[in-house]
Amino acid sequence: MSRLAAHVRVSALLRRTHDAGGSAMVLAKGEAMGGAILVQMLDRGTPAGFCERGYGPDGVPALIMAGPADADSQTAGEYWQRRRRNDPDLWVIEVDVAAPQRLVAEIIVND
């Protein structure tokens, strides 16, 4: 089974976030087809951590929490910039919306 291209997932995430009354922006553009996507989540302005697509213990795609959970903007920026240095294909997206984890899981995890 083929996976959706990263740029398609990012576009869908931006659109769904805006449709839900939130804001979203690309902080760093990654590889269009296969780049991983790291999402910095804010719940109406309050830091809600980072997440990315990964695999659960059962081998099924899942939303995996990553990085500092409630980092201030400087710490959060340092985290994703360090990740980008190690993986220049990585997309970094910031979403600020009510219940961001649910919305991100819909787009990032599901094929």
C-alpha atoms as a PDB file:
ATOM      1  CA  MET A   1       0.000   0.000   0.000  1.00  0.00           C
ATOM      2  CA  SER A   2       1.410   3.388  -0.925  1.00  0.00           C
ATOM      3  CA  ARG A   3       1.498   6.243   1.547  1.00  0.00           C
ATOM      4  CA  LEU A   4       0.348   9.764   0.855  1.00  0.00           C
ATOM      5  CA  ALA A   5       3.137  12.163  -0.056  1.00  0.00           C
ATOM      6  CA  ALA A   6       4.309  14.420   2.761  1.00  0.00           C
ATOM      7  CA  HIS A   7       3.333  17.610   0.929  1.00  0.00           C
ATOM      8  CA  VAL A   8      -0.241  16.291   0.545  1.00  0.00           C
ATOM      9  CA  ARG A   9      -0.490  15.566   4.289  1.00  0.00           C
ATOM     10  CA  VAL A  10       0.918  19.010   5.122  1.00  0.00           C
ATOM     11  CA  SER A  11      -1.522  20.733   2.788  1.00  0.00           C
ATOM     12  CA  ALA A  12      -4.438  18.802   4.308  1.00  0.00           C
ATOM     13  CA  LEU A  13      -3.269  19.627   7.845  1.00  0.00           C
ATOM     14  CA  LEU A  14      -3.044  23.345   7.072  1.00  0.00           C
ATOM     15  CA  ARG A  15      -6.471  23.367   5.428  1.00  0.00           C
ATOM     16  CA  ARG A  16      -8.199  21.366   8.206  1.00  0.00           C
ATOM     17  CA  THR A  17      -6.656  23.541  10.917  1.00  0.00           C
ATOM     18  CA  HIS A  18      -7.880  26.718   9.222  1.00  0.00           C
ATOM     19  CA  ASP A  19     -11.318  25.147   8.636  1.00  0.00           C
ATOM     20  CA  ALA A  20     -11.500  24.394  12.381  1.00  0.00           C
ATOM     21  CA  GLY A  21     -10.893  28.075  13.187  1.00  0.00           C
ATOM     22  CA  GLY A  22      -7.228  27.691  14.090  1.00  0.00           C
ATOM     23  CA  SER A  23      -3.999  28.819  12.543  1.00  0.00           C
ATOM     24  CA  ALA A  24      -1.223  26.749  11.009  1.00  0.00           C
ATOM     25  CA  MET A  25       2.047  27.486   9.316  1.00  0.00           C
ATOM     26  CA  VAL A  26       5.007  25.704   7.811  1.00  0.00           C
ATOM     27  CA  LEU A  27       8.072  26.464   9.941  1.00  0.00           C
ATOM     28  CA  ALA A  28      10.382  24.374   7.748  1.00  0.00           C
ATOM     29  CA  LYS A  29       9.680  22.749   4.401  1.00  0.00           C
ATOM     30  CA  GLY A  30      10.908  19.188   4.008  1.00  0.00           C
ATOM     31  CA  GLU A  31      11.176  16.651   1.225  1.00  0.00           C
ATOM     32  CA  ALA A  32       7.944  16.728  -0.791  1.00  0.00           C
ATOM     33  CA  MET A  33       7.333  13.017  -1.206  1.00  0.00           C
ATOM     34  CA  GLY A  34       8.783  11.168   1.760  1.00  0.00           C
ATOM     35  CA  GLY A  35       9.818  13.661   4.415  1.00  0.00           C
ATOM     36  CA  ALA A  36       8.716  13.032   7.981  1.00  0.00           C
ATOM     37  CA  ILE A  37       6.376  15.593   9.554  1.00  0.00           C
ATOM     38  CA  LEU A  38       6.958  17.034  13.013  1.00  0.00           C
ATOM     39  CA  VAL A  39       4.034  19.039  14.384  1.00  0.00           C
ATOM     40  CA  GLN A  40       4.379  21.655  17.103  1.00  0.00           C
ATOM     41  CA  MET A  41       0.943  21.811  18.721  1.00  0.00           C
ATOM     42  CA  LEU A  42      -0.629  24.726  20.545  1.00  0.00           C
ATOM     43  CA  ASP A  43      -4.082  24.550  22.079  1.00  0.00           C
ATOM     44  CA  ARG A  44      -5.395  28.108  21.618  1.00  0.00           C
ATOM     45  CA  GLY A  45      -1.991  29.604  22.396  1.00  0.00           C
ATOM     46  CA  THR A  46      -0.951  27.156  25.128  1.00  0.00           C
ATOM     47  CA  PRO A  47       1.944  24.813  24.224  1.00  0.00           C
ATOM     48  CA  ALA A  48       0.682  21.239  23.815  1.00  0.00           C
ATOM     49  CA  GLY A  49       3.914  19.509  22.768  1.00  0.00           C
ATOM     50  CA  PHE A  50       5.222  17.996  19.578  1.00  0.00           C
ATOM     51  CA  CYS A  51       4.037  14.911  17.747  1.00  0.00           C
ATOM     52  CA  GLU A  52       4.830  12.919  14.641  1.00  0.00           C
ATOM     53  CA  ARG A  53       3.715   9.826  12.814  1.00  0.00           C
ATOM     54  CA  GLY A  54       5.286   6.667  14.112  1.00  0.00           C
ATOM     55  CA  TYR A  55       4.382   3.069  14.787  1.00  0.00           C
ATOM     56  CA  GLY A  56       2.817   1.726  17.952  1.00  0.00           C
ATOM     57  CA  PRO A  57       3.887  -1.501  19.658  1.00  0.00           C
ATOM     58  CA  ASP A  58       1.484  -3.442  17.432  1.00  0.00           C
ATOM     59  CA  GLY A  59       3.137  -2.105  14.256  1.00  0.00           C
ATOM     60  CA  VAL A  60       0.158   0.061  13.322  1.00  0.00           C
ATOM     61  CA  PRO A  61       0.719   3.760  12.422  1.00  0.00           C
ATOM     62  CA  ALA A  62       0.113   5.983  15.439  1.00  0.00           C
ATOM     63  CA  LEU A  63       0.609   9.542  16.621  1.00  0.00           C
ATOM     64  CA  ILE A  64       3.761   9.615  18.749  1.00  0.00           C
ATOM     65  CA  MET A  65       4.466  12.421  21.204  1.00  0.00           C
ATOM     66  CA  ALA A  66       7.963  13.869  20.800  1.00  0.00           C
ATOM     67  CA  GLY A  67      10.158  16.585  22.274  1.00  0.00           C
ATOM     68  CA  PRO A  68       9.412  18.891  25.189  1.00  0.00           C
ATOM     69  CA  ALA A  69       5.743  18.804  26.237  1.00  0.00           C
ATOM     70  CA  ASP A  70       5.210  22.379  27.408  1.00  0.00           C
ATOM     71  CA  ALA A  71       8.250  24.219  26.128  1.00  0.00           C
ATOM     72  CA  ASP A  72       8.427  27.969  25.799  1.00  0.00           C
ATOM     73  CA  SER A  73       8.913  29.266  22.268  1.00  0.00           C
ATOM     74  CA  GLN A  74      12.725  29.420  22.552  1.00  0.00           C
ATOM     75  CA  THR A  75      13.061  25.826  23.810  1.00  0.00           C
ATOM     76  CA  ALA A  76      10.562  24.605  21.207  1.00  0.00           C
ATOM     77  CA  GLY A  77      12.461  26.386  18.443  1.00  0.00           C
ATOM     78  CA  GLU A  78      15.756  24.921  19.574  1.00  0.00           C
ATOM     79  CA  TYR A  79      14.211  21.436  19.597  1.00  0.00           C
ATOM     80  CA  TRP A  80      12.835  21.479  16.059  1.00  0.00           C
ATOM     81  CA  GLN A  81      15.911  23.229  14.657  1.00  0.00           C
ATOM     82  CA  ARG A  82      18.121  20.497  16.172  1.00  0.00           C
ATOM     83  CA  ARG A  83      15.859  17.861  14.589  1.00  0.00           C
ATOM     84  CA  ARG A  84      16.155  19.623  11.207  1.00  0.00           C
ATOM     85  CA  ARG A  85      19.957  19.664  11.415  1.00  0.00           C
ATOM     86  CA  ASN A  86      19.834  15.865  11.816  1.00  0.00           C
ATOM     87  CA  ASP A  87      17.125  15.393   9.166  1.00  0.00           C
ATOM     88  CA  PRO A  88      16.999  18.136   6.512  1.00  0.00           C
ATOM     89  CA  ASP A  89      14.035  16.341   4.840  1.00  0.00           C
ATOM     90  CA  LEU A  90      11.877  16.940   7.945  1.00  0.00           C
ATOM     91  CA  TRP A  91       8.780  19.148   7.665  1.00  0.00           C
ATOM     92  CA  VAL A  92       8.022  21.251  10.739  1.00  0.00           C
ATOM     93  CA  ILE A  93       4.458  22.499  11.076  1.00  0.00           C
ATOM     94  CA  GLU A  94       2.947  24.622  13.843  1.00  0.00           C
ATOM     95  CA  VAL A  95      -0.780  24.280  14.518  1.00  0.00           C
ATOM     96  CA  ASP A  96      -2.752  26.371  16.999  1.00  0.00           C
ATOM     97  CA  VAL A  97      -6.295  25.070  17.364  1.00  0.00           C
ATOM     98  CA  ALA A  98      -8.611  23.606  20.010  1.00  0.00           C
ATOM     99  CA  ALA A  99      -7.853  19.897  20.593  1.00  0.00           C
ATOM    100  CA  PRO A 100      -4.835  19.825  18.248  1.00  0.00           C
ATOM    101  CA  GLN A 101      -3.853  16.223  18.921  1.00  0.00           C
ATOM    102  CA  ARG A 102      -7.160  14.870  17.584  1.00  0.00           C
ATOM    103  CA  LEU A 103      -6.996  16.983  14.436  1.00  0.00           C
ATOM    104  CA  VAL A 104      -3.338  16.160  13.770  1.00  0.00           C
ATOM    105  CA  ALA A 105      -3.976  12.416  14.243  1.00  0.00           C
ATOM    106  CA  GLU A 106      -6.769  12.520  11.629  1.00  0.00           C
ATOM    107  CA  ILE A 107      -4.402  13.885   8.993  1.00  0.00           C
ATOM    108  CA  ILE A 108      -0.942  12.606   9.878  1.00  0.00           C
ATOM    109  CA  VAL A 109      -1.741   9.026  10.916  1.00  0.00           C
ATOM    110  CA  ASN A 110      -4.527   7.969   8.574  1.00  0.00           C
ATOM    111  CA  ASP A 111      -3.711   6.926   5.017  1.00  0.00           C
END
